[in-house]
C-alpha atoms as a PDB file:
ATOM      1  CA  MET A   1     110.630 149.482 -99.456  1.00  0.00           C
ATOM      2  CA  THR A   2     114.147 148.108 -99.535  1.00  0.00           C
ATOM      3  CA  ALA A   3     115.150 144.779-101.056  1.00  0.00           C
ATOM      4  CA  GLU A   4     115.930 143.540 -97.546  1.00  0.00           C
ATOM      5  CA  SER A   5     112.401 144.216 -96.277  1.00  0.00           C
ATOM      6  CA  GLU A   6     110.911 142.650 -99.416  1.00  0.00           C
ATOM      7  CA  ASN A   7     112.728 139.404 -98.589  1.00  0.00           C
ATOM      8  CA  LYS A   8     111.449 139.231 -95.014  1.00  0.00           C
ATOM      9  CA  LYS A   9     109.026 136.416 -94.323  1.00  0.00           C
ATOM     10  CA  PHE A  10     106.568 136.195 -91.481  1.00  0.00           C
ATOM     11  CA  VAL A  11     104.618 133.408 -89.826  1.00  0.00           C
ATOM     12  CA  LEU A  12     101.672 133.215 -87.456  1.00  0.00           C
ATOM     13  CA  CYS A  13     102.207 131.021 -84.390  1.00  0.00           C
ATOM     14  CA  VAL A  14      99.376 128.486 -84.024  1.00  0.00           C
ATOM     15  CA  SER A  15     101.022 126.171 -81.466  1.00  0.00           C
ATOM     16  CA  ASN A  16     103.626 126.644 -78.747  1.00  0.00           C
ATOM     17  CA  LYS A  17     103.776 123.270 -77.028  1.00  0.00           C
ATOM     18  CA  ASP A  18     106.629 123.318 -74.478  1.00  0.00           C
ATOM     19  CA  CYS A  19     107.940 126.650 -75.860  1.00  0.00           C
ATOM     20  CA  ASP A  20     108.065 129.534 -73.393  1.00  0.00           C
ATOM     21  CA  ASP A  21     109.484 131.900 -76.027  1.00  0.00           C
ATOM     22  CA  LEU A  22     106.521 131.674 -78.437  1.00  0.00           C
ATOM     23  CA  GLU A  23     103.051 133.189 -78.086  1.00  0.00           C
ATOM     24  CA  LYS A  24     100.053 131.736 -79.911  1.00  0.00           C
ATOM     25  CA  ARG A  25      98.380 134.091 -82.410  1.00  0.00           C
ATOM     26  CA  LYS A  26     101.496 136.273 -82.659  1.00  0.00           C
ATOM     27  CA  ILE A  27     103.390 137.070 -85.860  1.00  0.00           C
ATOM     28  CA  TYR A  28     107.109 136.263 -85.989  1.00  0.00           C
ATOM     29  CA  GLN A  29     109.804 136.903 -88.549  1.00  0.00           C
ATOM     30  CA  ILE A  30     111.601 133.877 -89.950  1.00  0.00           C
ATOM     31  CA  LEU A  31     115.117 133.701 -91.330  1.00  0.00           C
ATOM     32  CA  PRO A  32     116.173 131.615 -94.324  1.00  0.00           C
ATOM     33  CA  ASP A  33     117.591 128.210 -93.367  1.00  0.00           C
ATOM     34  CA  LYS A  34     117.210 125.631 -96.129  1.00  0.00           C
ATOM     35  CA  ALA A  35     118.852 122.856 -94.092  1.00  0.00           C
ATOM     36  CA  ALA A  36     116.396 123.362 -91.233  1.00  0.00           C
ATOM     37  CA  GLU A  37     113.427 123.470 -93.627  1.00  0.00           C
ATOM     38  CA  LYS A  38     114.454 120.116 -95.104  1.00  0.00           C
ATOM     39  CA  GLU A  39     114.222 118.682 -91.586  1.00  0.00           C
ATOM     40  CA  GLY A  40     110.804 120.258 -90.938  1.00  0.00           C
ATOM     41  CA  TYR A  41     111.922 123.290 -88.910  1.00  0.00           C
ATOM     42  CA  LEU A  42     111.854 127.076 -89.282  1.00  0.00           C
ATOM     43  CA  ARG A  43     114.402 129.544 -87.911  1.00  0.00           C
ATOM     44  CA  VAL A  44     112.211 131.988 -85.972  1.00  0.00           C
ATOM     45  CA  ILE A  45     113.110 135.193 -84.133  1.00  0.00           C
ATOM     46  CA  ASP A  46     111.210 134.492 -80.915  1.00  0.00           C
ATOM     47  CA  GLU A  47     110.323 136.480 -77.783  1.00  0.00           C
ATOM     48  CA  SER A  48     113.942 136.343 -76.580  1.00  0.00           C
ATOM     49  CA  GLY A  49     114.952 138.349 -79.670  1.00  0.00           C
ATOM     50  CA  GLU A  50     117.197 135.515 -80.821  1.00  0.00           C
ATOM     51  CA  ASP A  51     116.601 133.063 -83.643  1.00  0.00           C
ATOM     52  CA  TYR A  52     115.916 129.424 -82.836  1.00  0.00           C
ATOM     53  CA  LEU A  53     114.592 126.399 -84.684  1.00  0.00           C
ATOM     54  CA  TYR A  54     110.978 125.436 -84.143  1.00  0.00           C
ATOM     55  CA  PRO A  55     108.783 122.817 -85.868  1.00  0.00           C
ATOM     56  CA  GLN A  56     107.130 124.132 -89.046  1.00  0.00           C
ATOM     57  CA  SER A  57     103.830 122.741 -87.773  1.00  0.00           C
ATOM     58  CA  TYR A  58     103.767 125.486 -85.109  1.00  0.00           C
ATOM     59  CA  PHE A  59     103.315 128.169 -87.781  1.00  0.00           C
ATOM     60  CA  ILE A  60     101.366 129.322 -90.809  1.00  0.00           C
ATOM     61  CA  LEU A  61     103.160 131.446 -93.412  1.00  0.00           C
ATOM     62  CA  VAL A  62     101.501 134.858 -93.789  1.00  0.00           C
ATOM     63  CA  HIS A  63     101.880 137.433 -96.541  1.00  0.00           C
ATOM     64  CA  LEU A  64     101.798 140.892 -95.026  1.00  0.00           C
ATOM     65  CA  PRO A  65     101.142 144.171 -96.829  1.00  0.00           C
ATOM     66  CA  ARG A  66     104.112 146.511 -97.149  1.00  0.00           C
ATOM     67  CA  GLU A  67     102.753 148.796 -94.437  1.00  0.00           C
ATOM     68  CA  ALA A  68     102.526 145.934 -91.936  1.00  0.00           C
ATOM     69  CA  GLN A  69     106.076 144.790 -92.725  1.00  0.00           C
ATOM     70  CA  GLU A  70     107.349 148.324 -92.209  1.00  0.00           C
ATOM     71  CA  ALA A  71     105.481 148.631 -88.892  1.00  0.00           C
ATOM     72  CA  LEU A  72     106.996 145.357 -87.674  1.00  0.00           C
ATOM     73  CA  SER A  73     110.449 146.544 -88.754  1.00  0.00           C
ATOM     74  CA  LEU A  74     110.035 149.764 -86.736  1.00  0.00           C
ATOM     75  CA  SER A  75     109.546 147.717 -83.581  1.00  0.00           C
ATOM     76  CA  GLU A  76     112.978 146.102 -83.903  1.00  0.00           C
END
């Protein structure tokens, strides 16, 4: 596994109020954004394939095994 894939973080969507580009119970990759996190948001790569800010309360951080991270990376 590369250093880049080791640094990837994933979240599980538990709410999608007024968000057409998020699906409940789906895993999404997040990108680092310290400024957004301080304001209570996460930068999420959503269904559009772009990254947008969403409330942290919409997600639960998940720790995926290496194999799962690699499988998600193959779908990109």
